[in-house]
Amino acid sequence: QVQLVESGGGLVQPGGSLRLSCAATGIVSHIYIMGWYRQAPGEMRDFVADISTLGTTMYKEAVKGRFTISFNRAKDTVYLQMDSLKTEDTGTYYCKITGPAYEDTWGQGTPVTVSS
């Protein structure tokens, strides 16, 4: 059974940077998409970015040019480099794996707070 563990969240000032990691265990097939989603208090979980094992990426419009998603296949780990952070980027960030061999599976989330 696949499991995801996120890390890297924290408190940062506006304009700062954070790098989130999502490590997957229990991988049986290297055909999948891993994505990052943000959930602010009282709001729905919202798509941020995703990457496939073929290397294709997709980003939410509001983060284009500021966030970069990348993938280390040897470690089955996805990273989200977040630069030029804004207060509206605050929330808990979750990663999710989707693929033919997997039911949609979520990690436990890592909190990000952007505040001065």
N, C-alpha and C. Protein backbone atom coordinates (compact mmCIF):
# COMPACT_ATOMS: atom_id res chain seq x y z
N GLN A 1 0.85 -1.18 0.00
CA GLN A 1 0.00 0.00 0.00
C GLN A 1 0.89 1.24 0.00
N VAL A 2 0.62 2.16 -0.92
CA VAL A 2 1.45 3.35 -1.02
C VAL A 2 1.14 4.29 0.14
N GLN A 3 2.18 4.94 0.64
CA GLN A 3 2.03 5.96 1.68
C GLN A 3 2.86 7.17 1.29
N LEU A 4 2.38 8.35 1.66
CA LEU A 4 3.05 9.60 1.34
C LEU A 4 3.35 10.35 2.63
N VAL A 5 4.55 10.90 2.71
CA VAL A 5 4.94 11.69 3.87
C VAL A 5 5.48 13.03 3.40
N GLU A 6 4.80 14.11 3.79
CA GLU A 6 5.24 15.45 3.42
C GLU A 6 6.12 16.04 4.52
N SER A 7 6.98 16.96 4.12
CA SER A 7 7.81 17.69 5.08
C SER A 7 8.23 19.01 4.45
N GLY A 8 8.77 19.89 5.27
CA GLY A 8 9.33 21.13 4.76
C GLY A 8 8.52 22.39 5.03
N GLY A 9 7.33 22.22 5.59
CA GLY A 9 6.52 23.41 5.87
C GLY A 9 7.09 24.23 7.02
N GLY A 10 6.52 25.41 7.22
CA GLY A 10 6.97 26.26 8.32
C GLY A 10 6.47 27.66 8.18
N LEU A 11 7.07 28.54 8.97
CA LEU A 11 6.70 29.97 8.97
C LEU A 11 7.75 30.74 8.17
N VAL A 12 7.29 31.58 7.26
CA VAL A 12 8.21 32.35 6.44
C VAL A 12 7.60 33.73 6.20
N GLN A 13 8.45 34.71 6.01
CA GLN A 13 7.96 36.06 5.73
C GLN A 13 7.57 36.19 4.27
N PRO A 14 6.69 37.11 3.95
CA PRO A 14 6.37 37.36 2.54
C PRO A 14 7.63 37.64 1.74
N GLY A 15 7.70 37.05 0.56
CA GLY A 15 8.88 37.16 -0.28
C GLY A 15 9.90 36.07 -0.04
N GLY A 16 9.71 35.29 0.99
CA GLY A 16 10.64 34.22 1.31
C GLY A 16 10.39 32.95 0.50
N SER A 17 11.14 31.91 0.85
CA SER A 17 11.07 30.64 0.12
C SER A 17 10.96 29.47 1.08
N LEU A 18 10.34 28.42 0.59
CA LEU A 18 10.30 27.13 1.28
C LEU A 18 10.37 26.03 0.23
N ARG A 19 10.88 24.88 0.65
CA ARG A 19 10.91 23.72 -0.24
C ARG A 19 10.20 22.58 0.47
N LEU A 20 9.10 22.14 -0.13
CA LEU A 20 8.34 21.01 0.42
C LEU A 20 8.80 19.72 -0.25
N SER A 21 8.75 18.63 0.52
CA SER A 21 9.07 17.31 -0.01
C SER A 21 7.92 16.35 0.26
N CYS A 22 7.73 15.42 -0.65
CA CYS A 22 6.73 14.38 -0.48
C CYS A 22 7.38 13.06 -0.88
N ALA A 23 7.63 12.21 0.10
CA ALA A 23 8.28 10.93 -0.15
C ALA A 23 7.25 9.81 -0.18
N ALA A 24 7.30 9.00 -1.22
CA ALA A 24 6.36 7.88 -1.37
C ALA A 24 7.04 6.56 -1.04
N THR A 25 6.33 5.71 -0.31
CA THR A 25 6.79 4.34 -0.06
C THR A 25 5.71 3.38 -0.53
N GLY A 26 6.10 2.15 -0.80
CA GLY A 26 5.13 1.18 -1.30
C GLY A 26 4.86 1.31 -2.79
N ILE A 27 5.77 1.96 -3.52
CA ILE A 27 5.60 2.13 -4.96
C ILE A 27 5.80 0.78 -5.67
N VAL A 28 4.82 0.40 -6.49
CA VAL A 28 4.92 -0.86 -7.24
C VAL A 28 4.95 -0.61 -8.74
N SER A 29 4.60 0.61 -9.16
CA SER A 29 4.60 0.95 -10.58
C SER A 29 5.04 2.39 -10.71
N HIS A 30 5.99 2.64 -11.63
CA HIS A 30 6.48 4.01 -11.81
C HIS A 30 5.72 4.73 -12.91
N ILE A 31 4.43 4.51 -12.95
CA ILE A 31 3.55 5.30 -13.81
C ILE A 31 2.53 5.96 -12.90
N TYR A 32 2.74 7.22 -12.62
CA TYR A 32 1.84 7.93 -11.73
C TYR A 32 2.02 9.43 -11.86
N ILE A 33 1.11 10.15 -11.27
CA ILE A 33 1.18 11.60 -11.15
C ILE A 33 1.18 11.92 -9.66
N MET A 34 2.06 12.81 -9.25
CA MET A 34 2.04 13.30 -7.87
C MET A 34 1.78 14.80 -7.90
N GLY A 35 0.87 15.20 -7.07
CA GLY A 35 0.47 16.60 -7.06
C GLY A 35 0.48 17.21 -5.68
N TRP A 36 0.51 18.52 -5.64
CA TRP A 36 0.43 19.30 -4.41
C TRP A 36 -0.87 20.09 -4.41
N TYR A 37 -1.51 20.11 -3.24
CA TYR A 37 -2.76 20.83 -3.05
C TYR A 37 -2.65 21.65 -1.77
N ARG A 38 -3.34 22.78 -1.75
CA ARG A 38 -3.32 23.64 -0.57
C ARG A 38 -4.72 23.77 0.00
N GLN A 39 -4.81 23.71 1.31
CA GLN A 39 -6.10 23.93 1.97
C GLN A 39 -5.93 24.98 3.04
N ALA A 40 -6.57 26.13 2.83
CA ALA A 40 -6.57 27.19 3.83
C ALA A 40 -7.72 26.95 4.80
N PRO A 41 -7.63 27.48 6.01
CA PRO A 41 -8.70 27.29 7.00
C PRO A 41 -10.05 27.72 6.45
N GLY A 42 -11.03 26.83 6.54
CA GLY A 42 -12.38 27.15 6.10
C GLY A 42 -12.59 27.09 4.61
N GLU A 43 -11.57 26.63 3.86
CA GLU A 43 -11.68 26.58 2.41
C GLU A 43 -11.53 25.15 1.90
N MET A 44 -11.91 24.96 0.64
CA MET A 44 -11.74 23.66 0.01
C MET A 44 -10.27 23.44 -0.33
N ARG A 45 -9.88 22.18 -0.46
CA ARG A 45 -8.54 21.85 -0.90
C ARG A 45 -8.41 22.22 -2.38
N ASP A 46 -7.32 22.90 -2.73
CA ASP A 46 -7.17 23.52 -4.03
C ASP A 46 -5.90 23.04 -4.69
N PHE A 47 -5.98 22.73 -5.98
CA PHE A 47 -4.82 22.28 -6.74
C PHE A 47 -3.75 23.36 -6.81
N VAL A 48 -2.48 22.94 -6.68
CA VAL A 48 -1.35 23.87 -6.81
C VAL A 48 -0.49 23.50 -8.01
N ALA A 49 -0.02 22.25 -8.05
CA ALA A 49 0.86 21.81 -9.14
C ALA A 49 0.93 20.30 -9.13
N ASP A 50 1.24 19.72 -10.30
CA ASP A 50 1.51 18.29 -10.32
C ASP A 50 2.55 17.95 -11.36
N ILE A 51 3.08 16.73 -11.26
CA ILE A 51 4.11 16.26 -12.18
C ILE A 51 3.90 14.77 -12.39
N SER A 52 4.10 14.34 -13.64
CA SER A 52 3.98 12.93 -13.94
C SER A 52 5.36 12.30 -14.00
N THR A 53 5.39 11.00 -13.95
CA THR A 53 6.68 10.31 -14.04
C THR A 53 7.25 10.40 -15.46
N LEU A 54 6.45 10.91 -16.39
CA LEU A 54 6.96 11.20 -17.72
C LEU A 54 7.57 12.60 -17.79
N GLY A 55 7.41 13.36 -16.71
CA GLY A 55 8.03 14.67 -16.64
C GLY A 55 7.13 15.85 -16.96
N THR A 56 5.88 15.58 -17.34
CA THR A 56 4.98 16.69 -17.64
C THR A 56 4.53 17.36 -16.35
N THR A 57 4.41 18.67 -16.38
CA THR A 57 4.02 19.44 -15.21
C THR A 57 2.81 20.32 -15.51
N MET A 58 2.11 20.66 -14.44
CA MET A 58 0.97 21.56 -14.54
C MET A 58 0.95 22.41 -13.28
N TYR A 59 0.60 23.69 -13.44
CA TYR A 59 0.58 24.62 -12.31
C TYR A 59 -0.71 25.40 -12.28
N LYS A 60 -1.13 25.74 -11.08
CA LYS A 60 -2.20 26.70 -10.91
C LYS A 60 -1.68 28.05 -11.39
N GLU A 61 -2.52 28.82 -12.05
CA GLU A 61 -2.09 30.07 -12.64
C GLU A 61 -1.43 31.00 -11.62
N ALA A 62 -1.96 31.05 -10.42
CA ALA A 62 -1.47 31.99 -9.41
C ALA A 62 -0.06 31.70 -8.92
N VAL A 63 0.46 30.49 -9.21
CA VAL A 63 1.80 30.15 -8.72
C VAL A 63 2.82 30.05 -9.84
N LYS A 64 2.38 30.18 -11.08
CA LYS A 64 3.32 30.10 -12.21
C LYS A 64 4.40 31.17 -12.08
N GLY A 65 5.63 30.74 -12.28
CA GLY A 65 6.75 31.66 -12.17
C GLY A 65 7.30 31.80 -10.76
N ARG A 66 6.55 31.30 -9.76
CA ARG A 66 7.02 31.37 -8.37
C ARG A 66 7.30 29.99 -7.79
N PHE A 67 6.52 29.00 -8.18
CA PHE A 67 6.68 27.64 -7.67
C PHE A 67 7.23 26.73 -8.76
N THR A 68 8.06 25.78 -8.33
CA THR A 68 8.60 24.79 -9.27
C THR A 68 8.45 23.40 -8.67
N ILE A 69 7.80 22.51 -9.41
CA ILE A 69 7.66 21.13 -8.97
C ILE A 69 8.69 20.28 -9.67
N SER A 70 9.29 19.34 -8.93
CA SER A 70 10.30 18.46 -9.52
C SER A 70 10.20 17.08 -8.89
N PHE A 71 10.90 16.13 -9.49
CA PHE A 71 10.70 14.73 -9.12
C PHE A 71 12.04 14.01 -9.11
N ASN A 72 12.30 13.27 -8.05
CA ASN A 72 13.47 12.40 -7.98
C ASN A 72 12.97 10.97 -8.07
N ARG A 73 13.11 10.38 -9.24
CA ARG A 73 12.54 9.04 -9.47
C ARG A 73 13.22 8.00 -8.61
N ALA A 74 14.53 8.13 -8.40
CA ALA A 74 15.26 7.14 -7.61
C ALA A 74 14.74 7.09 -6.17
N LYS A 75 14.25 8.24 -5.69
CA LYS A 75 13.77 8.30 -4.30
C LYS A 75 12.24 8.30 -4.22
N ASP A 76 11.56 8.31 -5.37
CA ASP A 76 10.09 8.42 -5.39
C ASP A 76 9.66 9.60 -4.52
N THR A 77 10.32 10.71 -4.74
CA THR A 77 10.06 11.91 -3.95
C THR A 77 9.79 13.09 -4.88
N VAL A 78 8.77 13.85 -4.54
CA VAL A 78 8.42 15.05 -5.29
C VAL A 78 8.69 16.27 -4.42
N TYR A 79 9.20 17.30 -5.04
CA TYR A 79 9.52 18.54 -4.33
C TYR A 79 8.68 19.68 -4.88
N LEU A 80 8.39 20.63 -4.01
CA LEU A 80 7.74 21.86 -4.45
C LEU A 80 8.57 23.03 -3.92
N GLN A 81 9.33 23.65 -4.82
CA GLN A 81 10.11 24.83 -4.46
C GLN A 81 9.19 26.04 -4.57
N MET A 82 9.01 26.73 -3.46
CA MET A 82 8.10 27.87 -3.42
C MET A 82 8.91 29.14 -3.14
N ASP A 83 8.96 30.02 -4.10
CA ASP A 83 9.68 31.29 -3.99
C ASP A 83 8.70 32.45 -4.05
N SER A 84 9.17 33.62 -3.63
CA SER A 84 8.34 34.83 -3.65
C SER A 84 6.99 34.56 -3.00
N LEU A 85 7.02 33.95 -1.84
CA LEU A 85 5.79 33.56 -1.17
C LEU A 85 4.95 34.77 -0.78
N LYS A 86 3.63 34.59 -0.85
CA LYS A 86 2.66 35.62 -0.52
C LYS A 86 1.79 35.13 0.63
N THR A 87 1.16 36.06 1.33
CA THR A 87 0.31 35.67 2.46
C THR A 87 -0.80 34.73 2.00
N GLU A 88 -1.27 34.90 0.78
CA GLU A 88 -2.35 34.03 0.28
C GLU A 88 -1.88 32.60 -0.03
N ASP A 89 -0.58 32.35 0.07
CA ASP A 89 -0.08 30.98 -0.10
C ASP A 89 -0.20 30.18 1.20
N THR A 90 -0.61 30.83 2.26
CA THR A 90 -0.75 30.17 3.56
C THR A 90 -1.77 29.05 3.51
N GLY A 91 -1.46 27.94 4.16
CA GLY A 91 -2.38 26.82 4.23
C GLY A 91 -1.62 25.55 4.54
N THR A 92 -2.36 24.46 4.62
CA THR A 92 -1.72 23.16 4.76
C THR A 92 -1.57 22.56 3.37
N TYR A 93 -0.37 22.11 3.06
CA TYR A 93 -0.07 21.56 1.75
C TYR A 93 -0.05 20.03 1.84
N TYR A 94 -0.83 19.45 0.94
CA TYR A 94 -0.96 17.99 0.88
C TYR A 94 -0.45 17.49 -0.46
N CYS A 95 0.19 16.34 -0.47
CA CYS A 95 0.50 15.72 -1.76
C CYS A 95 -0.42 14.52 -1.97
N LYS A 96 -0.61 14.20 -3.23
CA LYS A 96 -1.49 13.13 -3.63
C LYS A 96 -0.87 12.35 -4.77
N ILE A 97 -1.02 11.04 -4.76
CA ILE A 97 -0.55 10.20 -5.86
C ILE A 97 -1.77 9.63 -6.58
N THR A 98 -1.68 9.64 -7.90
CA THR A 98 -2.74 9.10 -8.77
C THR A 98 -2.07 8.27 -9.85
N GLY A 99 -2.63 7.09 -10.11
CA GLY A 99 -2.06 6.28 -11.17
C GLY A 99 -2.84 5.01 -11.37
N PRO A 100 -2.57 4.29 -12.47
CA PRO A 100 -3.32 3.06 -12.76
C PRO A 100 -3.19 2.01 -11.66
N ALA A 101 -2.06 2.02 -10.96
CA ALA A 101 -1.84 1.00 -9.93
C ALA A 101 -2.25 1.47 -8.54
N TYR A 102 -2.79 2.72 -8.46
CA TYR A 102 -3.05 3.28 -7.13
C TYR A 102 -4.43 3.91 -7.07
N GLU A 103 -5.06 3.75 -5.93
CA GLU A 103 -6.20 4.61 -5.62
C GLU A 103 -5.63 5.95 -5.20
N ASP A 104 -6.40 7.01 -5.40
CA ASP A 104 -5.92 8.31 -4.96
C ASP A 104 -5.56 8.25 -3.47
N THR A 105 -4.33 8.61 -3.17
CA THR A 105 -3.83 8.54 -1.80
C THR A 105 -3.23 9.88 -1.42
N TRP A 106 -3.56 10.33 -0.22
CA TRP A 106 -3.09 11.62 0.28
C TRP A 106 -2.10 11.43 1.42
N GLY A 107 -1.19 12.40 1.54
CA GLY A 107 -0.34 12.46 2.71
C GLY A 107 -1.04 13.18 3.85
N GLN A 108 -0.33 13.35 4.95
CA GLN A 108 -0.93 13.93 6.15
C GLN A 108 -0.91 15.45 6.13
N GLY A 109 -0.16 16.05 5.21
CA GLY A 109 -0.10 17.50 5.09
C GLY A 109 1.05 18.11 5.87
N THR A 110 1.50 19.26 5.38
CA THR A 110 2.53 20.03 6.07
C THR A 110 2.09 21.50 6.04
N PRO A 111 2.08 22.17 7.18
CA PRO A 111 1.55 23.53 7.23
C PRO A 111 2.55 24.58 6.78
N VAL A 112 2.05 25.55 6.03
CA VAL A 112 2.85 26.68 5.56
C VAL A 112 2.16 27.97 6.00
N THR A 113 2.90 28.81 6.68
CA THR A 113 2.37 30.10 7.09
C THR A 113 3.26 31.20 6.55
N VAL A 114 2.67 32.10 5.77
CA VAL A 114 3.41 33.23 5.21
C VAL A 114 2.90 34.48 5.92
N SER A 115 3.75 35.03 6.77
CA SER A 115 3.31 36.17 7.58
C SER A 115 4.51 36.98 8.02
N SER A 116 4.30 38.27 8.15
CA SER A 116 5.36 39.14 8.67
C SER A 116 5.23 39.30 10.18
